[in-house]
Amino acid sequence: MMAHHSGAAVFDNTKKIDLTGVVTKMEWVNPHAHFYLDVKDSAGKVTNWNLELASPSILVRNGWTRHSVKEGDTVTVTGSRARDNSNFGIAQTIVFPDGRKLNFLSAFEDGK
C-alpha cells in the first residue's frame, strides 16, 4: 500500500508537461487514480508515463466515470512533472482528438 503524499512534495509546477500518446492502462484506485500513457518521441522511441489524477471520489463529483479515460484512447495531457524527473506526472487537463476535455480540481492545484 502506498502512503498518501503532498502534491507539492512530489510534483514541480514549474516543470510543465505536454504529452500526446495512447492510454495503456487505467487504475481507478484510492488515494489517486492513475493512467499510463505510451508517448512516442520524434525518433520513434516509446516511453510509458504514469499520470496521476485526483481520487476517484473527486473525479466522480466532477462528472467522471471509471470509463472516462480507457485503454486505447489517444489523448493529449498537460500537467506537471515529478520533482525527480522520472516519467511520472500529475495530469491537469486531458484532451481527446475530437476536442473533448477532462479537467479536475486536484489537491495539488488547490493547495490542500
Protein backbone atom coordinates (compact mmCIF):
# COMPACT_ATOMS: atom_id res chain seq x y z
CA MET A 1 0.00 0.00 0.00
CA MET A 2 1.34 3.42 -0.95
CA ALA A 3 1.22 6.28 1.50
CA HIS A 4 -0.66 9.42 0.57
CA HIS A 5 1.64 12.30 -0.33
CA SER A 6 1.61 16.06 -0.64
CA GLY A 7 1.30 17.00 -4.31
CA ALA A 8 3.72 19.90 -3.84
CA ALA A 9 6.30 17.49 -2.39
CA VAL A 10 6.11 15.16 -5.39
CA PHE A 11 5.30 17.42 -8.37
CA ASP A 12 7.01 20.61 -9.54
CA ASN A 13 4.52 23.04 -11.07
CA THR A 14 7.39 24.77 -12.89
CA LYS A 15 8.10 21.52 -14.83
CA LYS A 16 5.13 21.57 -17.20
CA ILE A 17 4.43 18.54 -19.36
CA ASP A 18 2.52 18.37 -22.63
CA LEU A 19 2.25 14.76 -23.79
CA THR A 20 0.32 13.02 -26.56
CA GLY A 21 0.03 9.28 -26.63
CA VAL A 22 -2.07 6.16 -26.23
CA VAL A 23 -3.51 5.10 -22.89
CA THR A 24 -2.15 1.66 -21.95
CA LYS A 25 -3.80 1.22 -18.54
CA MET A 26 -6.26 2.95 -16.20
CA GLU A 27 -6.22 2.41 -12.43
CA TRP A 28 -9.35 3.68 -10.66
CA VAL A 29 -7.96 3.33 -7.13
CA ASN A 30 -7.52 5.33 -3.93
CA PRO A 31 -5.89 7.54 -2.88
CA HIS A 32 -5.37 8.69 -6.52
CA ALA A 33 -6.46 7.29 -9.85
CA HIS A 34 -3.63 6.82 -12.37
CA PHE A 35 -3.40 6.17 -16.06
CA TYR A 36 -0.43 5.14 -18.15
CA LEU A 37 0.39 6.71 -21.50
CA ASP A 38 2.74 5.48 -24.26
CA VAL A 39 4.37 8.59 -25.71
CA LYS A 40 6.45 8.36 -28.90
CA ASP A 41 9.29 10.86 -29.42
CA SER A 42 10.47 12.23 -32.79
CA ALA A 43 12.89 9.29 -33.17
CA GLY A 44 10.09 6.77 -32.64
CA LYS A 45 11.17 5.73 -29.13
CA VAL A 46 8.18 4.97 -26.89
CA THR A 47 8.21 5.98 -23.23
CA ASN A 48 5.46 4.97 -20.81
CA TRP A 49 4.33 7.71 -18.44
CA ASN A 50 2.47 7.23 -15.15
CA LEU A 51 0.00 10.10 -14.77
CA GLU A 52 -1.77 10.76 -11.51
CA LEU A 53 -5.29 12.07 -11.19
CA ALA A 54 -7.40 13.08 -8.20
CA SER A 55 -9.10 10.47 -6.05
CA PRO A 56 -11.97 8.57 -7.68
CA SER A 57 -14.49 10.32 -5.39
CA ILE A 58 -13.29 13.78 -6.51
CA LEU A 59 -13.34 12.68 -10.15
CA VAL A 60 -16.91 11.37 -9.81
CA ARG A 61 -18.01 14.66 -8.19
CA ASN A 62 -16.59 16.41 -11.25
CA GLY A 63 -18.54 14.24 -13.71
CA TRP A 64 -16.02 11.49 -14.48
CA THR A 65 -16.70 7.76 -14.60
CA ARG A 66 -14.19 4.93 -14.43
CA HIS A 67 -14.51 4.77 -18.23
CA SER A 68 -13.84 8.46 -18.98
CA VAL A 69 -10.27 7.52 -19.95
CA LYS A 70 -9.73 3.99 -21.17
CA GLU A 71 -7.09 1.76 -22.68
CA GLY A 72 -6.55 2.53 -26.36
CA ASP A 73 -7.65 6.18 -26.15
CA THR A 74 -5.33 8.69 -27.79
CA VAL A 75 -5.10 11.80 -25.61
CA THR A 76 -3.06 14.94 -25.06
CA VAL A 77 -2.21 15.63 -21.43
CA THR A 78 -0.99 18.83 -19.81
CA GLY A 79 0.22 18.85 -16.25
CA SER A 80 3.33 18.91 -14.09
CA ARG A 81 6.26 16.53 -13.90
CA ALA A 82 7.55 14.80 -10.80
CA ARG A 83 10.38 16.58 -8.99
CA ASP A 84 12.68 13.58 -9.56
CA ASN A 85 12.34 13.97 -13.38
CA SER A 86 11.01 10.42 -13.74
CA ASN A 87 8.25 9.63 -16.25
CA PHE A 88 5.69 10.42 -13.57
CA GLY A 89 3.41 13.42 -13.54
CA ILE A 90 0.11 14.85 -12.46
CA ALA A 91 -2.44 15.31 -15.23
CA GLN A 92 -4.35 18.57 -15.09
CA THR A 93 -6.12 18.56 -18.47
CA ILE A 94 -6.80 15.65 -20.83
CA VAL A 95 -7.89 16.45 -24.39
CA PHE A 96 -9.28 13.90 -26.84
CA PRO A 97 -8.81 14.17 -30.64
CA ASP A 98 -12.44 15.33 -31.02
CA GLY A 99 -11.78 18.27 -28.70
CA ARG A 100 -13.47 16.91 -25.56
CA LYS A 101 -11.61 17.98 -22.42
CA LEU A 102 -11.47 16.48 -18.97
CA ASN A 103 -10.38 18.71 -16.09
CA PHE A 104 -10.49 18.33 -12.35
CA LEU A 105 -9.54 20.17 -9.20
CA SER A 106 -6.70 18.25 -7.61
CA ALA A 107 -5.23 18.58 -4.13
CA PHE A 108 -2.05 19.79 -5.82
CA GLU A 109 -3.77 22.72 -7.53
CA ASP A 110 -5.88 23.94 -4.64
CA GLY A 111 -3.14 23.52 -2.02
CA LYS A 112 -4.99 21.05 0.20
